[in-house]
Protein backbone atom coordinates (compact mmCIF):
# COMPACT_ATOMS: atom_id res chain seq x y z
CA MET A 1 -3.87 -66.76 -22.51
CA VAL A 2 -5.32 -64.94 -19.48
CA THR A 3 -2.56 -66.31 -17.24
CA SER A 4 0.11 -65.22 -19.69
CA ILE A 5 -1.31 -61.72 -20.05
CA THR A 6 -1.53 -61.42 -16.25
CA ARG A 7 2.12 -62.48 -15.97
CA ARG A 8 3.14 -59.91 -18.56
CA LEU A 9 1.23 -57.19 -16.72
CA ILE A 10 2.99 -58.08 -13.45
CA GLN A 11 6.36 -57.98 -15.22
CA ALA A 12 5.45 -54.59 -16.70
CA LEU A 13 4.55 -53.32 -13.21
CA PHE A 14 7.95 -54.39 -11.83
CA VAL A 15 9.66 -52.66 -14.76
CA ILE A 16 7.76 -49.43 -14.09
CA VAL A 17 8.61 -49.52 -10.36
CA ALA A 18 12.28 -50.13 -11.13
CA MET A 19 12.30 -47.27 -13.62
CA THR A 20 10.74 -44.89 -11.06
CA ILE A 21 13.79 -45.50 -8.85
CA ILE A 22 16.26 -45.06 -11.72
CA VAL A 23 14.57 -41.96 -13.12
CA PHE A 24 14.15 -40.30 -9.73
CA ALA A 25 17.72 -41.04 -8.65
CA GLY A 26 19.17 -39.95 -11.99
CA VAL A 27 17.26 -36.67 -12.15
CA ASN A 28 18.02 -35.70 -8.56
CA VAL A 29 21.77 -35.81 -9.06
CA ILE A 30 21.62 -33.34 -11.97
CA GLY A 31 22.63 -29.95 -10.60
CA ASN A 32 20.65 -27.76 -8.26
CA PRO A 33 17.58 -26.05 -9.74
CA VAL A 34 17.64 -23.47 -6.93
CA ASP A 35 20.70 -21.88 -8.54
CA ILE A 36 18.58 -21.13 -11.63
CA LEU A 37 15.28 -20.31 -9.93
CA ILE A 38 16.69 -17.81 -7.44
CA ASN A 39 18.46 -14.56 -8.19
CA PRO A 40 22.14 -14.83 -7.23
CA ASP A 41 21.73 -11.68 -5.13
CA ALA A 42 18.90 -13.19 -3.02
CA ASN A 43 19.59 -13.56 0.69
CA GLN A 44 19.65 -16.81 2.64
CA VAL A 45 16.11 -16.34 3.94
CA GLU A 46 14.65 -16.11 0.44
CA ARG A 47 16.77 -19.04 -0.68
CA ALA A 48 15.57 -21.20 2.23
CA ARG A 49 11.96 -20.23 1.52
CA VAL A 50 12.14 -21.36 -2.12
CA ILE A 51 13.92 -24.59 -1.18
CA SER A 52 11.22 -25.39 1.38
CA HIS A 53 8.45 -24.43 -1.04
CA TYR A 54 9.58 -26.99 -3.60
CA GLY A 55 10.35 -29.66 -0.99
CA LEU A 56 14.04 -29.76 -1.90
CA ASP A 57 15.01 -29.68 1.78
CA GLN A 58 13.50 -33.12 2.40
CA PRO A 59 15.64 -36.30 2.44
CA LEU A 60 15.81 -38.10 -0.91
CA TRP A 61 13.88 -41.12 0.40
CA LYS A 62 11.03 -38.88 1.51
CA GLN A 63 11.06 -37.02 -1.79
CA TYR A 64 10.85 -40.38 -3.55
CA LEU A 65 7.89 -41.53 -1.45
CA LEU A 66 6.13 -38.25 -2.16
CA PHE A 67 6.92 -38.75 -5.84
CA LEU A 68 5.41 -42.25 -5.78
CA ARG A 69 2.29 -40.98 -4.05
CA GLY A 70 1.92 -38.25 -6.63
CA LEU A 71 2.56 -40.78 -9.41
CA LEU A 72 -0.34 -42.95 -8.25
CA HIS A 73 -2.59 -39.86 -8.37
CA GLY A 74 -1.19 -38.60 -11.68
CA ASP A 75 0.50 -35.69 -9.91
CA PHE A 76 4.17 -35.08 -10.71
CA GLY A 77 4.23 -31.72 -9.00
CA ASN A 78 4.30 -28.23 -10.45
CA SER A 79 6.88 -27.07 -12.94
CA PHE A 80 9.61 -24.94 -11.37
CA VAL A 81 9.59 -22.66 -14.40
CA TYR A 82 5.95 -22.45 -15.50
CA GLY A 83 4.31 -22.89 -12.08
CA ARG A 84 1.80 -25.33 -13.61
CA PRO A 85 1.30 -29.11 -13.19
CA ALA A 86 4.15 -30.87 -15.01
CA LEU A 87 1.90 -33.60 -16.40
CA GLY A 88 -0.49 -30.96 -17.75
CA LEU A 89 2.34 -29.27 -19.65
CA ILE A 90 3.35 -32.55 -21.28
CA VAL A 91 -0.20 -33.58 -22.14
CA GLU A 92 -0.71 -30.14 -23.67
CA ARG A 93 2.25 -30.73 -26.02
CA LEU A 94 1.45 -34.41 -26.63
CA PRO A 95 -0.95 -33.97 -29.62
CA ALA A 96 1.70 -32.08 -31.60
CA THR A 97 4.35 -34.77 -31.06
CA LEU A 98 1.83 -37.58 -31.53
CA GLU A 99 0.57 -36.39 -34.91
CA LEU A 100 4.13 -35.78 -36.08
CA ALA A 101 5.16 -39.31 -35.05
CA ILE A 102 2.07 -40.97 -36.56
CA THR A 103 2.50 -39.10 -39.85
CA ALA A 104 6.21 -39.96 -40.01
CA LEU A 105 5.53 -43.63 -39.24
CA GLY A 106 2.75 -43.70 -41.84
CA ILE A 107 5.12 -42.33 -44.48
CA ALA A 108 7.77 -44.89 -43.48
CA ILE A 109 5.33 -47.81 -43.75
CA VAL A 110 3.67 -46.68 -46.99
CA VAL A 111 7.01 -46.06 -48.70
CA GLY A 112 9.37 -48.54 -47.03
CA LEU A 113 7.21 -51.67 -46.98
CA PRO A 114 6.32 -51.90 -50.71
CA LEU A 115 9.78 -50.80 -51.82
CA GLY A 116 11.40 -53.39 -49.55
CA LEU A 117 9.02 -56.05 -50.81
CA TYR A 118 9.81 -55.17 -54.42
CA ALA A 119 13.57 -55.14 -53.80
CA GLY A 120 13.35 -58.52 -52.08
CA LEU A 121 11.29 -60.17 -54.82
CA TYR A 122 13.39 -58.82 -57.69
CA PRO A 123 16.89 -58.29 -56.22
CA GLN A 124 18.71 -58.40 -59.58
CA ARG A 125 16.79 -55.58 -61.22
CA ILE A 126 18.51 -52.22 -61.61
CA SER A 127 15.56 -50.48 -59.95
CA SER A 128 15.96 -52.70 -56.86
CA LYS A 129 19.65 -51.89 -56.63
CA LEU A 130 18.86 -48.17 -56.93
CA ILE A 131 16.29 -48.51 -54.15
CA MET A 132 18.81 -50.20 -51.84
CA SER A 133 21.47 -47.64 -52.69
CA GLY A 134 19.04 -44.84 -51.92
CA SER A 135 18.16 -46.43 -48.58
CA ILE A 136 21.76 -45.99 -47.47
CA LEU A 137 21.22 -42.23 -47.55
CA GLY A 138 18.48 -42.57 -44.97
CA PHE A 139 20.98 -44.09 -42.54
CA SER A 140 23.97 -41.91 -43.33
CA LEU A 141 22.54 -38.40 -43.66
CA PRO A 142 22.24 -36.52 -40.33
CA THR A 143 18.68 -35.57 -39.41
CA PHE A 144 19.53 -31.94 -38.67
CA TRP A 145 21.28 -31.51 -42.04
CA VAL A 146 18.38 -33.07 -43.97
CA GLY A 147 15.96 -30.80 -42.12
CA LEU A 148 17.95 -27.70 -43.02
CA MET A 149 18.19 -28.80 -46.67
CA LEU A 150 14.44 -29.40 -46.81
CA ILE A 151 13.84 -25.89 -45.51
CA MET A 152 16.32 -24.41 -48.00
CA VAL A 153 14.81 -26.19 -51.01
CA PHE A 154 11.07 -26.37 -50.37
CA SER A 155 10.61 -23.24 -48.24
CA VAL A 156 13.30 -20.74 -49.18
CA GLU A 157 13.97 -21.54 -52.84
CA LEU A 158 10.63 -22.93 -54.06
CA GLY A 159 8.35 -21.36 -51.46
CA TRP A 160 6.01 -24.37 -51.47
CA LEU A 161 5.90 -25.14 -47.76
CA PRO A 162 6.29 -23.09 -44.55
CA THR A 163 9.58 -23.17 -42.66
CA ASN A 164 8.46 -23.64 -39.07
CA GLY A 165 5.61 -23.75 -36.60
CA ARG A 166 2.52 -25.87 -36.47
CA GLY A 167 0.08 -23.64 -38.32
CA PRO A 168 -3.68 -23.41 -37.71
CA THR A 169 -5.26 -26.28 -35.77
CA ALA A 170 -8.75 -27.71 -35.34
CA GLU A 171 -10.21 -29.47 -32.32
CA LEU A 172 -10.90 -33.21 -32.30
CA PHE A 173 -11.53 -35.34 -29.19
CA GLY A 174 -10.71 -32.37 -26.99
CA ALA A 175 -7.26 -31.76 -28.52
CA GLN A 176 -5.88 -29.47 -31.21
CA TRP A 177 -4.63 -31.12 -34.42
CA SER A 178 -2.93 -29.40 -37.34
CA PHE A 179 -3.62 -32.12 -39.93
CA LEU A 180 -7.31 -31.18 -39.89
CA THR A 181 -6.61 -27.85 -41.61
CA GLU A 182 -5.05 -27.33 -45.02
CA GLU A 183 -2.46 -24.85 -43.79
CA GLY A 184 -1.68 -27.01 -40.76
CA LEU A 185 -1.12 -30.00 -43.05
CA ARG A 186 1.36 -27.97 -45.09
CA HIS A 187 3.26 -27.19 -41.87
CA LEU A 188 3.27 -30.89 -41.00
CA LEU A 189 4.76 -32.28 -44.23
CA LEU A 190 8.40 -31.18 -43.96
CA PRO A 191 9.06 -32.20 -40.33
CA ALA A 192 7.18 -35.48 -40.83
CA PHE A 193 9.22 -36.35 -43.92
CA ASN A 194 12.45 -35.42 -42.16
CA LEU A 195 11.53 -37.63 -39.20
CA ALA A 196 10.45 -40.49 -41.47
CA LEU A 197 13.62 -40.70 -43.58
CA PHE A 198 15.60 -42.96 -41.26
CA LYS A 199 12.57 -45.11 -40.38
CA THR A 200 11.75 -45.59 -44.07
CA SER A 201 15.23 -46.92 -44.78
CA LEU A 202 15.06 -49.19 -41.75
CA ILE A 203 11.69 -50.73 -42.68
CA LEU A 204 12.76 -51.02 -46.34
CA ARG A 205 15.93 -52.95 -45.60
CA LEU A 206 14.30 -55.12 -42.95
CA THR A 207 11.46 -56.02 -45.33
CA ARG A 208 13.88 -56.89 -48.12
CA ALA A 209 15.91 -59.10 -45.79
CA GLY A 210 12.72 -60.80 -44.58
CA VAL A 211 11.54 -61.49 -48.13
CA GLN A 212 14.84 -63.08 -49.11
CA GLU A 213 14.74 -65.21 -45.96
CA VAL A 214 11.14 -66.39 -46.49
CA LEU A 215 11.20 -67.06 -50.25
CA PRO A 216 13.44 -70.20 -50.08
CA GLN A 217 11.25 -71.78 -47.38
CA ASP A 218 9.47 -75.04 -48.17
CA TYR A 219 5.97 -73.70 -47.52
CA VAL A 220 6.47 -71.00 -50.18
CA LYS A 221 7.72 -73.58 -52.69
CA PHE A 222 4.78 -75.85 -51.82
CA ALA A 223 2.30 -73.00 -52.29
CA ARG A 224 3.71 -72.29 -55.74
CA ALA A 225 3.69 -76.03 -56.57
CA LYS A 226 -0.04 -76.12 -55.78
CA GLY A 227 -0.57 -73.58 -58.52
CA LEU A 228 -1.51 -70.62 -56.31
CA ARG A 229 -1.36 -67.25 -57.98
CA GLU A 230 1.81 -65.27 -57.28
CA ARG A 231 -0.15 -62.48 -55.63
CA ARG A 232 -1.67 -64.91 -53.13
CA VAL A 233 1.71 -66.52 -52.44
CA ILE A 234 3.21 -63.11 -51.68
CA THR A 235 0.36 -61.70 -49.59
CA VAL A 236 -0.53 -64.83 -47.62
CA HIS A 237 2.69 -66.83 -47.32
CA VAL A 238 5.51 -64.33 -47.75
CA LEU A 239 4.20 -61.06 -46.38
CA LYS A 240 2.45 -62.53 -43.35
CA ASN A 241 5.55 -64.42 -42.18
CA LEU A 242 8.00 -61.60 -42.64
CA MET A 243 5.73 -59.16 -40.76
CA ILE A 244 6.70 -60.48 -37.32
CA PRO A 245 10.12 -58.75 -37.16
CA VAL A 246 8.72 -55.79 -39.09
CA VAL A 247 5.92 -55.32 -36.54
CA THR A 248 8.51 -55.42 -33.76
CA ILE A 249 10.56 -52.68 -35.39
CA ILE A 250 7.49 -50.59 -36.23
CA GLY A 251 6.24 -50.74 -32.65
CA LEU A 252 9.57 -49.84 -31.08
CA GLU A 253 10.35 -47.17 -33.68
CA PHE A 254 6.97 -45.55 -33.05
CA GLY A 255 7.99 -45.17 -29.42
CA SER A 256 11.34 -43.72 -30.44
CA LEU A 257 9.62 -41.27 -32.80
CA ILE A 258 7.62 -39.90 -29.87
CA ALA A 259 10.49 -39.96 -27.39
CA PHE A 260 13.37 -38.77 -29.58
CA SER A 261 11.93 -36.30 -32.06
CA VAL A 262 13.83 -33.51 -30.33
CA VAL A 263 16.10 -32.60 -33.26
CA THR A 264 13.28 -32.36 -35.79
CA GLU A 265 11.07 -30.38 -33.42
CA SER A 266 13.93 -27.97 -32.73
CA ILE A 267 14.79 -27.43 -36.41
CA PHE A 268 11.19 -26.79 -37.48
CA ALA A 269 10.15 -25.04 -34.23
CA TRP A 270 7.48 -27.69 -33.79
CA PRO A 271 5.76 -27.09 -30.41
CA GLY A 272 5.89 -30.67 -29.17
CA MET A 273 7.21 -32.51 -26.13
CA GLY A 274 10.77 -32.66 -27.49
CA LYS A 275 11.27 -28.92 -27.35
CA LEU A 276 9.67 -28.80 -23.91
CA ILE A 277 12.02 -31.43 -22.47
CA ILE A 278 15.11 -29.70 -23.92
CA ASP A 279 14.06 -26.41 -22.31
CA SER A 280 13.33 -28.23 -19.05
CA ILE A 281 16.76 -29.89 -19.01
CA ASN A 282 18.46 -26.55 -19.64
CA LEU A 283 16.50 -24.98 -16.76
CA LEU A 284 16.72 -28.07 -14.49
CA ASP A 285 12.93 -28.24 -14.29
CA ARG A 286 12.86 -31.57 -12.44
CA PRO A 287 9.09 -32.20 -12.27
CA VAL A 288 8.75 -31.87 -16.05
CA ILE A 289 11.81 -34.06 -16.69
CA VAL A 290 10.54 -36.79 -14.36
CA ALA A 291 7.01 -36.65 -15.79
CA TYR A 292 8.34 -36.88 -19.35
CA LEU A 293 10.64 -39.81 -18.60
CA MET A 294 7.92 -41.73 -16.78
CA MET A 295 5.53 -41.21 -19.68
CA MET A 296 8.16 -42.60 -22.04
CA VAL A 297 8.71 -45.61 -19.79
CA LEU A 298 4.98 -46.30 -19.74
CA LEU A 299 4.81 -45.85 -23.51
CA PHE A 300 7.52 -48.42 -24.24
CA VAL A 301 6.09 -50.92 -21.74
CA VAL A 302 2.66 -50.67 -23.37
CA LEU A 303 4.13 -50.92 -26.88
CA ASN A 304 6.10 -54.04 -25.99
CA PHE A 305 2.97 -55.63 -24.56
CA ILE A 306 0.98 -54.82 -27.71
CA ILE A 307 3.77 -56.24 -29.89
CA ASP A 308 3.70 -59.51 -27.94
CA VAL A 309 -0.05 -59.79 -28.48
CA CYS A 310 0.33 -59.01 -32.20
CA TYR A 311 2.72 -61.95 -32.54
CA THR A 312 -0.08 -64.42 -31.83
CA ILE A 313 -2.33 -62.73 -34.39
CA LEU A 314 0.26 -62.82 -37.17
CA ASP A 315 1.59 -66.31 -36.41
CA PRO A 316 -0.38 -68.84 -34.35
CA ARG A 317 2.87 -70.73 -33.68
CA VAL A 318 4.03 -67.89 -31.47
CA ARG A 319 2.55 -68.17 -28.00
CA LEU A 320 2.64 -65.75 -25.13
CA ASP A 321 2.63 -68.70 -22.75
CA THR A 322 5.36 -71.24 -23.54
CA LYS A 323 5.19 -74.70 -22.04
CA ALA A 324 8.14 -76.90 -21.31
């Protein structure tokens, strides 16, 4: 087990190094931030001073080495726009995006898993067919349209929930969280539900497919033949075996919720990382873009590693270290 984990960590390190090259090369071919940072009427002396100040006059290989050195020290440079450390700006917005993603994933699991289990166990019931028909909406309806409709119905027409913003926050573990206050929780509900709609449908349909695949297996038939109660058959033999692909999807979708919540954050003016990265792309704020992308790379590498470890917990037949 130790050898396998060490091998996975080495593989993850190579992935991160490769991604530093791809991210750095990709970002540095996107426009010229000097054209945005400097007034068009500025003279050549001022222009040269700004270029030298940000190190944009250095060869790309030297900029990359400086980037790697800063990466090892957690320093991605200062934002061109805000004049503050890029990593600090992202970490400052991280709690808002993180609580939105966790809440959305929680809604998706709590709603999608039991509904998918029910639809898989009783596929011929009308209620199951209605559930599966409803899940199609989660895939087909655009996120931005659903968000606008939620605002129109629950904020404008009914006046139950606020339209935008994060609301009041309270401090926990050195960060500000909106779910700790009643008003902040009301601000959180609409964007979290909007973000969770697609993930709920995905988990629901995957769970249903897993149930229908597991039910005909011999070990389920044998468990029922032994006289085990139906609840135990479902929870121990069915649910545990279908959770392997579900855990994979949940882990990867959690990463995507954090990385790609841009549309929801923009619609509800949620002050998270998504809005920050969109503004940074528009302004060609390279340090913030690079810091954000590298954080997302690290996030997905860590999530994949955790998923691999979870496999062995859910199913002892799955081994991190395969032998020929």
